[in-house]
Structure formats: structure tokens, C-alpha cells
């Protein structure tokens, strides 16, 4: 369980994970552009890095038990298991037994964008509850809204710097 004095640091880490999700989702929408076609290997590396960052960030929240590990929803509990499995076996430890035949593992632990968004929402709702319980100075909902705006503006500015139609 999260302690009051660690709350703000955890929220800022969580917002970084959320930002990675936003960037990945919006970059992924542009994989059919000329910029992607010209630089697909680099583009795919960036997308994979962002996806891994999201899984690692969510797994940290689960493993450190900042906002709890158990959910009222069986679907969220299953998503948390998949996140932990992906982190432990593919991203953090590169389990060689799984790497040799990873298709069944990936099929069993496949996460969708909706799964990730549902987990982000569940954690955000818990963070808002902690904010109220701690009478914290930060406003979680406002920080998420600001992060959404900033991430999208920053991404648009970054993509414009390529001077290739997206």
C-alpha cells in the first residue's frame, strides 16, 4: 500500500507511463505514412520501446503494490497477470525457454490497447482516491488531462520537424 509521502513520486512515474502509452498509440496510427515507410526499422524500434515502457511502468505499479494488486473485476485481475508475465518473461528477463517458442506465450498473454487503457483507468481512479485520502496538493485528474495535451502537442511538434507529410 502506498504511503502519503511517496504518493506524488508514484503519480509522476505513473504519468510517464501514461505518456508513453499516448505517444505509442498516436505514432502507431501513422505507420502508413511516408515517414514510416522511409524509416520503418527506426519507427518500429521506437514503437517497441514505448510498448515495453508501458508494460514495465504498469508492472512496477503492480509489483510495488502502490495502488493494490487485486481488483474487483476478474478482467482487470487477468490483465494484471498478463502484464506481470510479459514483464517477467519477455522484457526484463528474456526467458530463453519462452523465447525459443514464444508464440503460445504471446497468444496467452496478449494485451490489447483496451486492456492497457482499462488498467490505466483503474490505477488513475485509485490514485484519485489516495489523493482525496491524503488531502494531497496534486490533482491527479488535472495532471492526466495536462499530460494528454502536452504529449499530443509535443508529438505533433516533433513529427513536424521531419518535414515529411504524415
N, C-alpha and C. Protein backbone atom coordinates (compact mmCIF):
# COMPACT_ATOMS: atom_id res chain seq x y z
N UNK A 1 0.83 -1.19 0.00
CA UNK A 1 0.00 0.00 0.00
C UNK A 1 0.87 1.24 0.00
N UNK A 2 0.42 2.23 -0.68
CA UNK A 2 1.15 3.48 -0.86
C UNK A 2 1.11 4.32 0.41
N UNK A 3 2.24 4.93 0.72
CA UNK A 3 2.33 5.84 1.86
C UNK A 3 2.19 7.28 1.35
N UNK A 4 1.68 8.15 2.18
CA UNK A 4 1.39 9.52 1.77
C UNK A 4 2.63 10.24 1.22
N UNK A 5 3.79 10.09 1.86
CA UNK A 5 4.95 10.85 1.42
C UNK A 5 5.52 10.37 0.09
N UNK A 6 5.16 9.18 -0.37
CA UNK A 6 5.61 8.67 -1.66
C UNK A 6 4.59 8.91 -2.78
N UNK A 7 3.43 9.38 -2.42
CA UNK A 7 2.33 9.47 -3.36
C UNK A 7 2.67 10.30 -4.60
N UNK A 8 3.20 11.50 -4.42
CA UNK A 8 3.47 12.36 -5.57
C UNK A 8 4.49 11.74 -6.51
N UNK A 9 5.55 11.14 -5.99
CA UNK A 9 6.56 10.49 -6.85
C UNK A 9 5.95 9.37 -7.66
N UNK A 10 5.10 8.59 -7.06
CA UNK A 10 4.46 7.48 -7.77
C UNK A 10 3.54 8.02 -8.86
N UNK A 11 2.81 9.07 -8.57
CA UNK A 11 1.93 9.66 -9.58
C UNK A 11 2.75 10.17 -10.76
N UNK A 12 3.88 10.82 -10.51
CA UNK A 12 4.71 11.31 -11.62
C UNK A 12 5.27 10.16 -12.45
N UNK A 13 5.68 9.06 -11.80
CA UNK A 13 6.12 7.87 -12.55
C UNK A 13 4.98 7.30 -13.38
N UNK A 14 3.81 7.25 -12.79
CA UNK A 14 2.62 6.75 -13.48
C UNK A 14 2.29 7.62 -14.69
N UNK A 15 2.41 8.93 -14.54
CA UNK A 15 2.14 9.84 -15.65
C UNK A 15 3.14 9.62 -16.79
N UNK A 16 4.38 9.28 -16.48
CA UNK A 16 5.36 8.98 -17.52
C UNK A 16 4.93 7.74 -18.30
N UNK A 17 4.44 6.72 -17.61
CA UNK A 17 3.93 5.52 -18.27
C UNK A 17 2.74 5.87 -19.15
N UNK A 18 1.85 6.70 -18.64
CA UNK A 18 0.69 7.14 -19.41
C UNK A 18 1.12 7.89 -20.67
N UNK A 19 2.11 8.74 -20.53
CA UNK A 19 2.62 9.50 -21.68
C UNK A 19 3.19 8.53 -22.74
N UNK A 20 3.89 7.50 -22.31
CA UNK A 20 4.41 6.51 -23.25
C UNK A 20 3.27 5.85 -24.01
N UNK A 21 2.18 5.55 -23.31
CA UNK A 21 1.01 4.95 -23.95
C UNK A 21 0.44 5.89 -25.01
N UNK A 22 0.29 7.16 -24.65
CA UNK A 22 -0.25 8.15 -25.60
C UNK A 22 0.63 8.27 -26.83
N UNK A 23 1.92 8.38 -26.63
CA UNK A 23 2.84 8.52 -27.75
C UNK A 23 2.81 7.28 -28.64
N UNK A 24 2.82 6.11 -28.03
CA UNK A 24 2.79 4.87 -28.80
C UNK A 24 1.51 4.78 -29.63
N UNK A 25 0.39 5.06 -29.01
CA UNK A 25 -0.89 4.96 -29.72
C UNK A 25 -0.98 5.92 -30.89
N UNK A 26 -0.49 7.12 -30.69
CA UNK A 26 -0.57 8.11 -31.76
C UNK A 26 0.49 7.89 -32.85
N UNK A 27 1.64 7.41 -32.49
CA UNK A 27 2.63 7.06 -33.51
C UNK A 27 2.18 5.84 -34.31
N UNK A 28 1.56 4.90 -33.63
CA UNK A 28 1.09 3.69 -34.30
C UNK A 28 0.05 4.01 -35.38
N UNK A 29 -0.73 5.05 -35.16
CA UNK A 29 -1.73 5.46 -36.15
C UNK A 29 -1.09 5.97 -37.43
N UNK A 30 0.19 6.29 -37.38
CA UNK A 30 0.87 6.89 -38.53
C UNK A 30 1.80 5.92 -39.26
N UNK A 31 1.63 4.62 -39.04
CA UNK A 31 2.53 3.66 -39.68
C UNK A 31 2.28 3.50 -41.17
N UNK A 32 1.27 4.12 -41.68
CA UNK A 32 1.01 4.03 -43.12
C UNK A 32 1.48 5.29 -43.86
N UNK A 33 2.29 6.11 -43.22
CA UNK A 33 2.74 7.35 -43.83
C UNK A 33 4.09 7.18 -44.51
N UNK A 34 4.45 8.16 -45.29
CA UNK A 34 5.75 8.15 -45.97
C UNK A 34 6.89 8.17 -44.95
N UNK A 35 6.72 8.90 -43.87
CA UNK A 35 7.76 8.95 -42.84
C UNK A 35 8.03 7.56 -42.28
N UNK A 36 6.98 6.79 -42.07
CA UNK A 36 7.15 5.42 -41.60
C UNK A 36 7.84 4.57 -42.66
N UNK A 37 7.37 4.65 -43.89
CA UNK A 37 7.93 3.83 -44.96
C UNK A 37 9.42 4.09 -45.15
N UNK A 38 9.84 5.32 -45.05
CA UNK A 38 11.25 5.67 -45.23
C UNK A 38 12.14 5.20 -44.08
N UNK A 39 11.55 5.06 -42.90
CA UNK A 39 12.33 4.76 -41.69
C UNK A 39 11.67 3.68 -40.83
N UNK A 40 11.16 2.63 -41.45
CA UNK A 40 10.36 1.65 -40.71
C UNK A 40 11.14 0.96 -39.59
N UNK A 41 12.40 0.67 -39.79
CA UNK A 41 13.17 0.00 -38.73
C UNK A 41 13.30 0.89 -37.50
N UNK A 42 13.59 2.16 -37.72
CA UNK A 42 13.70 3.09 -36.59
C UNK A 42 12.34 3.31 -35.95
N UNK A 43 11.33 3.49 -36.79
CA UNK A 43 9.97 3.71 -36.29
C UNK A 43 9.52 2.52 -35.43
N UNK A 44 9.77 1.29 -35.92
CA UNK A 44 9.37 0.10 -35.18
C UNK A 44 10.14 -0.03 -33.86
N UNK A 45 11.40 0.39 -33.86
CA UNK A 45 12.18 0.37 -32.63
C UNK A 45 11.58 1.32 -31.60
N UNK A 46 11.21 2.52 -32.05
CA UNK A 46 10.59 3.50 -31.15
C UNK A 46 9.27 2.95 -30.61
N UNK A 47 8.43 2.39 -31.48
CA UNK A 47 7.14 1.85 -31.04
C UNK A 47 7.33 0.72 -30.03
N UNK A 48 8.26 -0.19 -30.31
CA UNK A 48 8.51 -1.31 -29.39
C UNK A 48 9.05 -0.82 -28.06
N UNK A 49 9.90 0.19 -28.10
CA UNK A 49 10.43 0.75 -26.87
C UNK A 49 9.32 1.37 -26.02
N UNK A 50 8.43 2.10 -26.66
CA UNK A 50 7.31 2.70 -25.93
C UNK A 50 6.39 1.63 -25.36
N UNK A 51 6.11 0.57 -26.14
CA UNK A 51 5.26 -0.52 -25.64
C UNK A 51 5.90 -1.19 -24.43
N UNK A 52 7.19 -1.45 -24.51
CA UNK A 52 7.90 -2.06 -23.38
C UNK A 52 7.86 -1.15 -22.16
N UNK A 53 8.02 0.16 -22.40
CA UNK A 53 7.97 1.11 -21.29
C UNK A 53 6.63 1.12 -20.58
N UNK A 54 5.56 0.98 -21.35
CA UNK A 54 4.22 0.93 -20.75
C UNK A 54 4.09 -0.32 -19.89
N UNK A 55 4.50 -1.46 -20.42
CA UNK A 55 4.40 -2.71 -19.65
C UNK A 55 5.27 -2.63 -18.39
N UNK A 56 6.49 -2.13 -18.53
CA UNK A 56 7.37 -2.01 -17.36
C UNK A 56 6.79 -1.05 -16.32
N UNK A 57 6.24 0.07 -16.77
CA UNK A 57 5.66 1.03 -15.83
C UNK A 57 4.47 0.47 -15.07
N UNK A 58 3.59 -0.21 -15.80
CA UNK A 58 2.42 -0.81 -15.14
C UNK A 58 2.84 -1.96 -14.22
N UNK A 59 3.81 -2.75 -14.68
CA UNK A 59 4.29 -3.86 -13.85
C UNK A 59 4.90 -3.35 -12.55
N UNK A 60 5.61 -2.23 -12.62
CA UNK A 60 6.18 -1.66 -11.40
C UNK A 60 5.09 -1.26 -10.42
N UNK A 61 4.04 -0.65 -10.93
CA UNK A 61 2.92 -0.28 -10.04
C UNK A 61 2.33 -1.52 -9.38
N UNK A 62 2.20 -2.60 -10.16
CA UNK A 62 1.66 -3.84 -9.60
C UNK A 62 2.63 -4.48 -8.61
N UNK A 63 3.89 -4.58 -9.00
CA UNK A 63 4.86 -5.27 -8.16
C UNK A 63 5.14 -4.53 -6.85
N UNK A 64 5.18 -3.21 -6.93
CA UNK A 64 5.43 -2.43 -5.73
C UNK A 64 4.16 -2.24 -4.90
N UNK A 65 3.02 -2.69 -5.46
CA UNK A 65 1.75 -2.65 -4.75
C UNK A 65 1.37 -1.22 -4.34
N UNK A 66 1.72 -0.25 -5.20
CA UNK A 66 1.42 1.14 -4.87
C UNK A 66 -0.08 1.41 -4.80
N UNK A 67 -0.82 0.86 -5.73
CA UNK A 67 -2.26 1.09 -5.76
C UNK A 67 -3.03 -0.21 -5.57
N UNK A 68 -2.39 -1.20 -5.03
CA UNK A 68 -3.01 -2.51 -4.82
C UNK A 68 -2.80 -3.42 -6.02
N UNK A 69 -2.92 -4.71 -5.78
CA UNK A 69 -2.72 -5.71 -6.83
C UNK A 69 -4.01 -6.40 -7.22
N UNK A 70 -4.98 -6.35 -6.37
CA UNK A 70 -6.24 -7.03 -6.61
C UNK A 70 -7.32 -6.03 -7.01
N UNK A 71 -8.17 -6.48 -7.93
CA UNK A 71 -9.23 -5.63 -8.44
C UNK A 71 -10.57 -6.32 -8.27
N UNK A 72 -11.63 -5.54 -8.26
CA UNK A 72 -12.98 -6.10 -8.16
C UNK A 72 -13.37 -6.81 -9.45
N UNK A 73 -12.69 -6.50 -10.52
CA UNK A 73 -13.01 -7.05 -11.83
C UNK A 73 -12.09 -8.22 -12.17
N UNK A 74 -12.67 -9.39 -12.51
CA UNK A 74 -11.83 -10.51 -12.94
C UNK A 74 -11.01 -10.16 -14.20
N UNK A 75 -11.57 -9.31 -15.06
CA UNK A 75 -10.85 -8.91 -16.26
C UNK A 75 -9.59 -8.13 -15.90
N UNK A 76 -9.69 -7.20 -14.95
CA UNK A 76 -8.52 -6.43 -14.53
C UNK A 76 -7.49 -7.32 -13.85
N UNK A 77 -7.96 -8.28 -13.07
CA UNK A 77 -7.03 -9.22 -12.44
C UNK A 77 -6.28 -10.02 -13.49
N UNK A 78 -6.96 -10.43 -14.55
CA UNK A 78 -6.31 -11.17 -15.63
C UNK A 78 -5.33 -10.28 -16.39
N UNK A 79 -5.69 -9.04 -16.61
CA UNK A 79 -4.78 -8.11 -17.28
C UNK A 79 -3.52 -7.92 -16.44
N UNK A 80 -3.68 -7.80 -15.13
CA UNK A 80 -2.51 -7.60 -14.27
C UNK A 80 -1.58 -8.82 -14.33
N UNK A 81 -2.15 -10.01 -14.42
CA UNK A 81 -1.33 -11.23 -14.56
C UNK A 81 -0.57 -11.20 -15.88
N UNK A 82 -1.25 -10.81 -16.96
CA UNK A 82 -0.60 -10.74 -18.27
C UNK A 82 0.52 -9.72 -18.28
N UNK A 83 0.28 -8.56 -17.67
CA UNK A 83 1.32 -7.52 -17.60
C UNK A 83 2.54 -8.06 -16.87
N UNK A 84 2.32 -8.69 -15.75
CA UNK A 84 3.43 -9.24 -14.97
C UNK A 84 4.15 -10.35 -15.74
N UNK A 85 3.39 -11.21 -16.40
CA UNK A 85 4.01 -12.27 -17.19
C UNK A 85 4.87 -11.70 -18.31
N UNK A 86 4.35 -10.71 -19.03
CA UNK A 86 5.10 -10.10 -20.13
C UNK A 86 6.37 -9.43 -19.61
N UNK A 87 6.24 -8.74 -18.52
CA UNK A 87 7.41 -8.08 -17.94
C UNK A 87 8.45 -9.10 -17.52
N UNK A 88 8.03 -10.10 -16.77
CA UNK A 88 8.98 -11.05 -16.20
C UNK A 88 9.63 -11.93 -17.26
N UNK A 89 8.87 -12.41 -18.21
CA UNK A 89 9.39 -13.41 -19.13
C UNK A 89 9.99 -12.86 -20.41
N UNK A 90 9.44 -11.79 -20.94
CA UNK A 90 9.92 -11.29 -22.22
C UNK A 90 10.77 -10.02 -22.11
N UNK A 91 10.36 -9.10 -21.28
CA UNK A 91 11.03 -7.80 -21.28
C UNK A 91 12.21 -7.78 -20.30
N UNK A 92 11.99 -8.16 -19.06
CA UNK A 92 13.02 -7.99 -18.05
C UNK A 92 14.03 -9.14 -18.02
N UNK A 93 13.58 -10.35 -18.23
CA UNK A 93 14.47 -11.48 -18.02
C UNK A 93 14.79 -12.27 -19.28
N UNK A 94 14.09 -12.01 -20.37
CA UNK A 94 14.32 -12.76 -21.62
C UNK A 94 14.46 -14.26 -21.36
N UNK A 95 13.43 -14.83 -20.80
CA UNK A 95 13.39 -16.26 -20.51
C UNK A 95 13.62 -17.04 -21.81
N UNK A 96 14.76 -17.71 -21.91
CA UNK A 96 15.14 -18.38 -23.15
C UNK A 96 14.20 -19.52 -23.52
N UNK A 97 13.64 -20.19 -22.53
CA UNK A 97 12.70 -21.27 -22.85
C UNK A 97 11.46 -20.73 -23.55
N UNK A 98 11.05 -19.53 -23.19
CA UNK A 98 9.91 -18.89 -23.83
C UNK A 98 10.33 -18.28 -25.17
N UNK A 99 11.53 -17.70 -25.20
CA UNK A 99 11.99 -17.04 -26.42
C UNK A 99 12.10 -18.01 -27.60
N UNK A 100 12.43 -19.26 -27.34
CA UNK A 100 12.56 -20.24 -28.43
C UNK A 100 11.23 -20.55 -29.08
N UNK A 101 10.17 -20.48 -28.31
CA UNK A 101 8.83 -20.77 -28.83
C UNK A 101 7.85 -19.81 -28.17
N UNK A 102 7.97 -18.53 -28.52
CA UNK A 102 7.21 -17.52 -27.81
C UNK A 102 5.79 -17.31 -28.30
N UNK A 103 5.41 -17.85 -29.45
CA UNK A 103 4.07 -17.63 -29.98
C UNK A 103 2.97 -18.07 -29.01
N UNK A 104 3.06 -19.29 -28.42
CA UNK A 104 2.00 -19.67 -27.46
C UNK A 104 1.95 -18.75 -26.24
N UNK A 105 3.14 -18.35 -25.76
CA UNK A 105 3.19 -17.45 -24.61
C UNK A 105 2.54 -16.12 -24.94
N UNK A 106 2.89 -15.57 -26.10
CA UNK A 106 2.33 -14.28 -26.51
C UNK A 106 0.82 -14.39 -26.71
N UNK A 107 0.39 -15.49 -27.33
CA UNK A 107 -1.06 -15.67 -27.53
C UNK A 107 -1.79 -15.71 -26.20
N UNK A 108 -1.21 -16.36 -25.22
CA UNK A 108 -1.84 -16.48 -23.91
C UNK A 108 -1.81 -15.18 -23.12
N UNK A 109 -0.80 -14.36 -23.36
CA UNK A 109 -0.61 -13.15 -22.57
C UNK A 109 -0.78 -11.87 -23.39
N UNK A 110 -1.39 -11.98 -24.54
CA UNK A 110 -1.60 -10.83 -25.43
C UNK A 110 -2.39 -9.75 -24.72
N UNK A 111 -1.89 -8.54 -24.81
CA UNK A 111 -2.56 -7.38 -24.24
C UNK A 111 -3.04 -6.50 -25.37
N UNK A 112 -4.25 -6.01 -25.26
CA UNK A 112 -4.79 -5.09 -26.26
C UNK A 112 -4.67 -3.67 -25.74
N UNK A 113 -4.86 -2.72 -26.63
CA UNK A 113 -4.89 -1.33 -26.21
C UNK A 113 -5.98 -1.07 -25.18
N UNK A 114 -7.10 -1.72 -25.37
CA UNK A 114 -8.21 -1.58 -24.42
C UNK A 114 -7.82 -2.12 -23.05
N UNK A 115 -7.10 -3.25 -23.02
CA UNK A 115 -6.64 -3.80 -21.73
C UNK A 115 -5.78 -2.78 -20.99
N UNK A 116 -4.85 -2.19 -21.72
CA UNK A 116 -3.93 -1.23 -21.10
C UNK A 116 -4.68 0.01 -20.63
N UNK A 117 -5.59 0.50 -21.44
CA UNK A 117 -6.38 1.67 -21.06
C UNK A 117 -7.23 1.37 -19.83
N UNK A 118 -7.80 0.18 -19.77
CA UNK A 118 -8.60 -0.20 -18.59
C UNK A 118 -7.73 -0.24 -17.33
N UNK A 119 -6.50 -0.74 -17.46
CA UNK A 119 -5.60 -0.78 -16.30
C UNK A 119 -5.17 0.63 -15.90
N UNK A 120 -4.87 1.46 -16.87
CA UNK A 120 -4.51 2.86 -16.58
C UNK A 120 -5.67 3.54 -15.85
N UNK A 121 -6.89 3.35 -16.35
CA UNK A 121 -8.06 3.96 -15.71
C UNK A 121 -8.25 3.45 -14.28
N UNK A 122 -8.05 2.16 -14.07
CA UNK A 122 -8.20 1.59 -12.72
C UNK A 122 -7.18 2.20 -11.77
N UNK A 123 -5.93 2.29 -12.22
CA UNK A 123 -4.89 2.91 -11.39
C UNK A 123 -5.16 4.40 -11.17
N UNK A 124 -5.61 5.08 -12.21
CA UNK A 124 -5.89 6.51 -12.07
C UNK A 124 -7.01 6.72 -11.05
N UNK A 125 -8.05 5.90 -11.10
CA UNK A 125 -9.15 6.02 -10.13
C UNK A 125 -8.66 5.78 -8.71
N UNK A 126 -7.76 4.81 -8.55
CA UNK A 126 -7.21 4.57 -7.22
C UNK A 126 -6.33 5.74 -6.79
N UNK A 127 -5.58 6.30 -7.72
CA UNK A 127 -4.74 7.45 -7.39
C UNK A 127 -5.60 8.63 -6.94
N UNK A 128 -6.73 8.82 -7.59
CA UNK A 128 -7.66 9.89 -7.19
C UNK A 128 -8.19 9.62 -5.78
N UNK A 129 -8.47 8.37 -5.46
CA UNK A 129 -8.91 8.02 -4.11
C UNK A 129 -7.83 8.34 -3.08
N UNK A 130 -6.58 7.99 -3.40
CA UNK A 130 -5.46 8.30 -2.50
C UNK A 130 -5.29 9.81 -2.36
N UNK A 131 -5.42 10.52 -3.47
CA UNK A 131 -5.30 11.98 -3.44
C UNK A 131 -6.28 12.55 -2.41
N UNK A 132 -7.51 12.07 -2.45
CA UNK A 132 -8.53 12.56 -1.52
C UNK A 132 -8.22 12.12 -0.10
N UNK A 133 -7.80 10.87 0.08
CA UNK A 133 -7.50 10.37 1.42
C UNK A 133 -6.32 11.10 2.05
N UNK A 134 -5.31 11.41 1.23
CA UNK A 134 -4.12 12.10 1.73
C UNK A 134 -4.29 13.61 1.75
N UNK A 135 -5.40 14.10 1.18
CA UNK A 135 -5.58 15.54 1.02
C UNK A 135 -4.35 16.13 0.33
N UNK A 136 -3.95 15.47 -0.75
CA UNK A 136 -2.72 15.81 -1.46
C UNK A 136 -2.85 17.13 -2.20
N UNK A 137 -1.70 17.75 -2.43
CA UNK A 137 -1.65 19.02 -3.14
C UNK A 137 -1.85 18.83 -4.64
N UNK A 138 -1.44 17.70 -5.16
CA UNK A 138 -1.57 17.47 -6.59
C UNK A 138 -2.99 17.00 -6.92
N UNK A 139 -3.41 17.32 -8.13
CA UNK A 139 -4.73 16.93 -8.61
C UNK A 139 -4.54 15.93 -9.74
N UNK A 140 -4.79 14.67 -9.46
CA UNK A 140 -4.49 13.59 -10.39
C UNK A 140 -5.21 13.77 -11.72
N UNK A 141 -6.50 14.02 -11.69
CA UNK A 141 -7.25 14.16 -12.94
C UNK A 141 -6.71 15.30 -13.80
N UNK A 142 -6.43 16.42 -13.16
CA UNK A 142 -5.88 17.55 -13.90
C UNK A 142 -4.51 17.23 -14.50
N UNK A 143 -3.69 16.48 -13.77
CA UNK A 143 -2.37 16.10 -14.29
C UNK A 143 -2.50 15.17 -15.49
N UNK A 144 -3.47 14.29 -15.46
CA UNK A 144 -3.69 13.40 -16.62
C UNK A 144 -4.16 14.20 -17.83
N UNK A 145 -5.05 15.14 -17.61
CA UNK A 145 -5.51 15.98 -18.72
C UNK A 145 -4.37 16.81 -19.28
N UNK A 146 -3.55 17.37 -18.42
CA UNK A 146 -2.40 18.17 -18.86
C UNK A 146 -1.39 17.30 -19.60
N UNK A 147 -1.15 16.11 -19.11
CA UNK A 147 -0.22 15.18 -19.77
C UNK A 147 -0.73 14.82 -21.15
N UNK A 148 -2.03 14.60 -21.28
CA UNK A 148 -2.61 14.29 -22.59
C UNK A 148 -2.37 15.43 -23.57
N UNK A 149 -2.68 16.64 -23.15
CA UNK A 149 -2.47 17.81 -24.02
C UNK A 149 -0.99 17.97 -24.39
N UNK A 150 -0.13 17.92 -23.40
CA UNK A 150 1.29 18.14 -23.64
C UNK A 150 1.89 17.06 -24.52
N UNK A 151 1.52 15.82 -24.28
CA UNK A 151 2.07 14.72 -25.08
C UNK A 151 1.67 14.86 -26.54
N UNK A 152 0.42 15.20 -26.78
CA UNK A 152 -0.05 15.34 -28.16
C UNK A 152 0.59 16.54 -28.85
N UNK A 153 0.70 17.66 -28.14
CA UNK A 153 1.35 18.84 -28.72
C UNK A 153 2.82 18.58 -28.99
N UNK A 154 3.50 17.97 -28.03
CA UNK A 154 4.92 17.65 -28.21
C UNK A 154 5.13 16.69 -29.37
N UNK A 155 4.26 15.70 -29.48
CA UNK A 155 4.37 14.74 -30.57
C UNK A 155 4.15 15.42 -31.91
N UNK A 156 3.14 16.25 -32.01
CA UNK A 156 2.87 16.97 -33.27
C UNK A 156 4.07 17.83 -33.66
N UNK A 157 4.64 18.54 -32.70
CA UNK A 157 5.81 19.37 -32.99
C UNK A 157 7.00 18.53 -33.42
N UNK A 158 7.20 17.40 -32.78
CA UNK A 158 8.30 16.52 -33.13
C UNK A 158 8.13 15.97 -34.55
N UNK A 159 6.92 15.52 -34.85
CA UNK A 159 6.68 14.97 -36.18
C UNK A 159 6.81 16.02 -37.27
N UNK A 160 6.39 17.24 -36.99
CA UNK A 160 6.54 18.32 -37.97
C UNK A 160 8.00 18.59 -38.27
N UNK A 161 8.88 18.29 -37.33
CA UNK A 161 10.29 18.54 -37.56
C UNK A 161 10.86 17.66 -38.66
N UNK A 162 10.18 16.60 -39.03
CA UNK A 162 10.66 15.72 -40.10
C UNK A 162 10.41 16.32 -41.49
N UNK A 163 9.50 17.24 -41.57
CA UNK A 163 9.12 17.90 -42.81
C UNK A 163 8.70 16.91 -43.89
N UNK A 164 8.11 15.81 -43.46
CA UNK A 164 7.56 14.81 -44.38
C UNK A 164 6.09 14.69 -44.03
N UNK A 165 5.21 14.72 -44.99
CA UNK A 165 3.78 14.63 -44.68
C UNK A 165 3.46 13.36 -43.88
N UNK A 166 2.70 13.58 -42.84
CA UNK A 166 2.26 12.47 -42.02
C UNK A 166 0.78 12.31 -42.18
